N, C-alpha and C. Protein backbone atom coordinates (compact mmCIF):
# COMPACT_ATOMS: atom_id res chain seq x y z
N UNK A 1 0.82 -1.19 0.00
CA UNK A 1 0.00 0.00 0.00
C UNK A 1 0.87 1.26 0.00
N UNK A 2 2.00 1.19 0.68
CA UNK A 2 2.89 2.35 0.75
C UNK A 2 3.44 2.71 -0.63
N UNK A 3 3.78 1.69 -1.44
CA UNK A 3 4.28 1.94 -2.79
C UNK A 3 3.20 2.57 -3.66
N UNK A 4 1.97 2.13 -3.49
CA UNK A 4 0.86 2.69 -4.27
C UNK A 4 0.66 4.17 -3.93
N UNK A 5 0.71 4.50 -2.65
CA UNK A 5 0.55 5.89 -2.23
C UNK A 5 1.72 6.74 -2.72
N UNK A 6 2.93 6.19 -2.68
CA UNK A 6 4.07 6.96 -3.17
C UNK A 6 3.98 7.16 -4.69
N UNK A 7 3.38 6.20 -5.41
CA UNK A 7 3.17 6.36 -6.84
C UNK A 7 2.14 7.46 -7.11
N UNK A 8 1.08 7.50 -6.32
CA UNK A 8 0.04 8.51 -6.51
C UNK A 8 0.59 9.93 -6.36
N UNK A 9 1.56 10.11 -5.49
CA UNK A 9 2.09 11.43 -5.23
C UNK A 9 3.50 11.62 -5.81
N UNK A 10 3.87 10.77 -6.77
CA UNK A 10 5.17 10.90 -7.40
C UNK A 10 5.20 12.10 -8.33
N UNK A 11 6.38 12.52 -8.71
CA UNK A 11 6.55 13.65 -9.62
C UNK A 11 5.88 13.37 -10.96
N UNK A 12 5.99 12.16 -11.45
CA UNK A 12 5.39 11.82 -12.74
C UNK A 12 3.87 11.93 -12.68
N UNK A 13 3.27 11.41 -11.62
CA UNK A 13 1.81 11.45 -11.51
C UNK A 13 1.32 12.89 -11.35
N UNK A 14 1.99 13.67 -10.53
CA UNK A 14 1.61 15.07 -10.36
C UNK A 14 1.76 15.81 -11.69
N UNK A 15 2.80 15.47 -12.45
CA UNK A 15 2.99 16.06 -13.77
C UNK A 15 1.85 15.71 -14.72
N UNK A 16 1.46 14.43 -14.75
CA UNK A 16 0.37 14.00 -15.63
C UNK A 16 -0.94 14.70 -15.26
N UNK A 17 -1.23 14.77 -13.97
CA UNK A 17 -2.47 15.41 -13.54
C UNK A 17 -2.44 16.91 -13.86
N UNK A 18 -1.31 17.54 -13.64
CA UNK A 18 -1.18 18.96 -13.95
C UNK A 18 -1.35 19.24 -15.44
N UNK A 19 -0.72 18.42 -16.27
CA UNK A 19 -0.83 18.59 -17.71
C UNK A 19 -2.27 18.36 -18.17
N UNK A 20 -2.90 17.35 -17.63
CA UNK A 20 -4.28 17.05 -18.01
C UNK A 20 -5.21 18.20 -17.60
N UNK A 21 -4.98 18.78 -16.45
CA UNK A 21 -5.78 19.92 -16.00
C UNK A 21 -5.59 21.11 -16.93
N UNK A 22 -4.35 21.38 -17.31
CA UNK A 22 -4.10 22.48 -18.25
C UNK A 22 -4.76 22.22 -19.60
N UNK A 23 -4.73 20.99 -20.06
CA UNK A 23 -5.40 20.64 -21.32
C UNK A 23 -6.89 20.93 -21.23
N UNK A 24 -7.51 20.54 -20.11
CA UNK A 24 -8.93 20.79 -19.93
C UNK A 24 -9.25 22.28 -19.95
N UNK A 25 -8.42 23.06 -19.29
CA UNK A 25 -8.63 24.51 -19.27
C UNK A 25 -8.51 25.10 -20.67
N UNK A 26 -7.51 24.65 -21.42
CA UNK A 26 -7.33 25.14 -22.80
C UNK A 26 -8.54 24.76 -23.64
N UNK A 27 -9.01 23.53 -23.54
CA UNK A 27 -10.15 23.10 -24.34
C UNK A 27 -11.43 23.84 -23.96
N UNK A 28 -11.62 24.09 -22.66
CA UNK A 28 -12.79 24.87 -22.25
C UNK A 28 -12.71 26.29 -22.77
N UNK A 29 -11.52 26.86 -22.80
CA UNK A 29 -11.34 28.21 -23.32
C UNK A 29 -11.62 28.24 -24.82
N UNK A 30 -11.12 27.25 -25.55
CA UNK A 30 -11.40 27.18 -26.98
C UNK A 30 -12.90 27.07 -27.22
N UNK A 31 -13.56 26.23 -26.46
CA UNK A 31 -14.99 26.05 -26.61
C UNK A 31 -15.80 27.30 -26.29
N UNK A 32 -15.29 28.11 -25.40
CA UNK A 32 -16.00 29.33 -25.02
C UNK A 32 -15.84 30.43 -26.07
N UNK A 33 -14.62 30.63 -26.56
CA UNK A 33 -14.35 31.76 -27.45
C UNK A 33 -14.39 31.41 -28.93
N UNK A 34 -14.28 30.16 -29.27
CA UNK A 34 -14.34 29.73 -30.67
C UNK A 34 -15.20 28.47 -30.74
N UNK A 35 -16.51 28.64 -30.63
CA UNK A 35 -17.39 27.45 -30.61
C UNK A 35 -17.20 26.59 -31.87
N UNK A 36 -16.93 25.34 -31.65
CA UNK A 36 -16.77 24.38 -32.75
C UNK A 36 -17.65 23.17 -32.44
N UNK A 37 -17.94 22.36 -33.45
CA UNK A 37 -18.76 21.16 -33.21
C UNK A 37 -18.10 20.21 -32.20
N UNK A 38 -18.93 19.42 -31.55
CA UNK A 38 -18.46 18.51 -30.50
C UNK A 38 -17.39 17.55 -31.04
N UNK A 39 -17.60 17.00 -32.21
CA UNK A 39 -16.60 16.07 -32.77
C UNK A 39 -15.26 16.76 -33.00
N UNK A 40 -15.30 18.01 -33.40
CA UNK A 40 -14.05 18.76 -33.57
C UNK A 40 -13.36 18.96 -32.22
N UNK A 41 -14.14 19.22 -31.18
CA UNK A 41 -13.54 19.37 -29.85
C UNK A 41 -12.89 18.07 -29.38
N UNK A 42 -13.53 16.94 -29.65
CA UNK A 42 -12.92 15.65 -29.31
C UNK A 42 -11.61 15.47 -30.06
N UNK A 43 -11.61 15.80 -31.34
CA UNK A 43 -10.39 15.66 -32.15
C UNK A 43 -9.29 16.57 -31.62
N UNK A 44 -9.64 17.82 -31.32
CA UNK A 44 -8.65 18.76 -30.77
C UNK A 44 -8.13 18.26 -29.43
N UNK A 45 -9.03 17.75 -28.59
CA UNK A 45 -8.62 17.24 -27.27
C UNK A 45 -7.70 16.04 -27.37
N UNK A 46 -8.04 15.10 -28.24
CA UNK A 46 -7.18 13.92 -28.40
C UNK A 46 -5.81 14.31 -28.96
N UNK A 47 -5.80 15.21 -29.93
CA UNK A 47 -4.54 15.65 -30.52
C UNK A 47 -3.68 16.37 -29.48
N UNK A 48 -4.31 17.24 -28.71
CA UNK A 48 -3.59 17.98 -27.67
C UNK A 48 -3.03 17.03 -26.62
N UNK A 49 -3.85 16.09 -26.17
CA UNK A 49 -3.39 15.11 -25.19
C UNK A 49 -2.23 14.29 -25.72
N UNK A 50 -2.34 13.86 -26.96
CA UNK A 50 -1.30 13.05 -27.58
C UNK A 50 0.02 13.82 -27.63
N UNK A 51 -0.03 15.08 -28.03
CA UNK A 51 1.19 15.87 -28.12
C UNK A 51 1.79 16.17 -26.75
N UNK A 52 0.97 16.61 -25.82
CA UNK A 52 1.48 17.01 -24.52
C UNK A 52 1.96 15.81 -23.71
N UNK A 53 1.18 14.75 -23.69
CA UNK A 53 1.61 13.56 -22.95
C UNK A 53 2.84 12.93 -23.60
N UNK A 54 2.91 12.97 -24.92
CA UNK A 54 4.10 12.48 -25.60
C UNK A 54 5.33 13.26 -25.21
N UNK A 55 5.20 14.58 -25.14
CA UNK A 55 6.33 15.42 -24.73
C UNK A 55 6.73 15.14 -23.29
N UNK A 56 5.74 14.98 -22.42
CA UNK A 56 6.04 14.69 -21.02
C UNK A 56 6.72 13.33 -20.88
N UNK A 57 6.20 12.31 -21.55
CA UNK A 57 6.82 10.99 -21.49
C UNK A 57 8.22 11.00 -22.08
N UNK A 58 8.39 11.72 -23.18
CA UNK A 58 9.72 11.82 -23.78
C UNK A 58 10.70 12.42 -22.78
N UNK A 59 10.25 13.46 -22.10
CA UNK A 59 11.12 14.10 -21.11
C UNK A 59 11.44 13.14 -19.96
N UNK A 60 10.43 12.41 -19.47
CA UNK A 60 10.66 11.48 -18.37
C UNK A 60 11.54 10.32 -18.78
N UNK A 61 11.28 9.75 -19.96
CA UNK A 61 12.07 8.61 -20.41
C UNK A 61 13.48 9.03 -20.78
N UNK A 62 13.61 10.20 -21.35
CA UNK A 62 14.94 10.70 -21.71
C UNK A 62 15.77 10.96 -20.45
N UNK A 63 15.12 11.49 -19.44
CA UNK A 63 15.81 11.78 -18.18
C UNK A 63 16.22 10.48 -17.50
N UNK A 64 15.35 9.46 -17.50
CA UNK A 64 15.67 8.22 -16.80
C UNK A 64 16.73 7.40 -17.54
N UNK A 65 16.89 7.59 -18.85
CA UNK A 65 17.90 6.83 -19.58
C UNK A 65 19.31 7.34 -19.32
N UNK A 66 19.44 8.56 -18.81
CA UNK A 66 20.76 9.11 -18.51
C UNK A 66 21.23 8.78 -17.11
N UNK A 67 20.38 8.19 -16.29
CA UNK A 67 20.77 7.90 -14.90
C UNK A 67 21.11 6.46 -14.74
């Protein structure tokens, strides 16, 4: 149980949650100021998640390969 709790509050998990929160805020802002169809919002959200999470994973994996 201790390992699970340490995973929940690890730097990687906090990073993922923070990035996901920022993505949600960006998508809500886009939806408010530039109304687009729902399917387009899903596409924008998936694309944004893919890019941002890919960048975060690349940074984490790149950092761990040097240690």
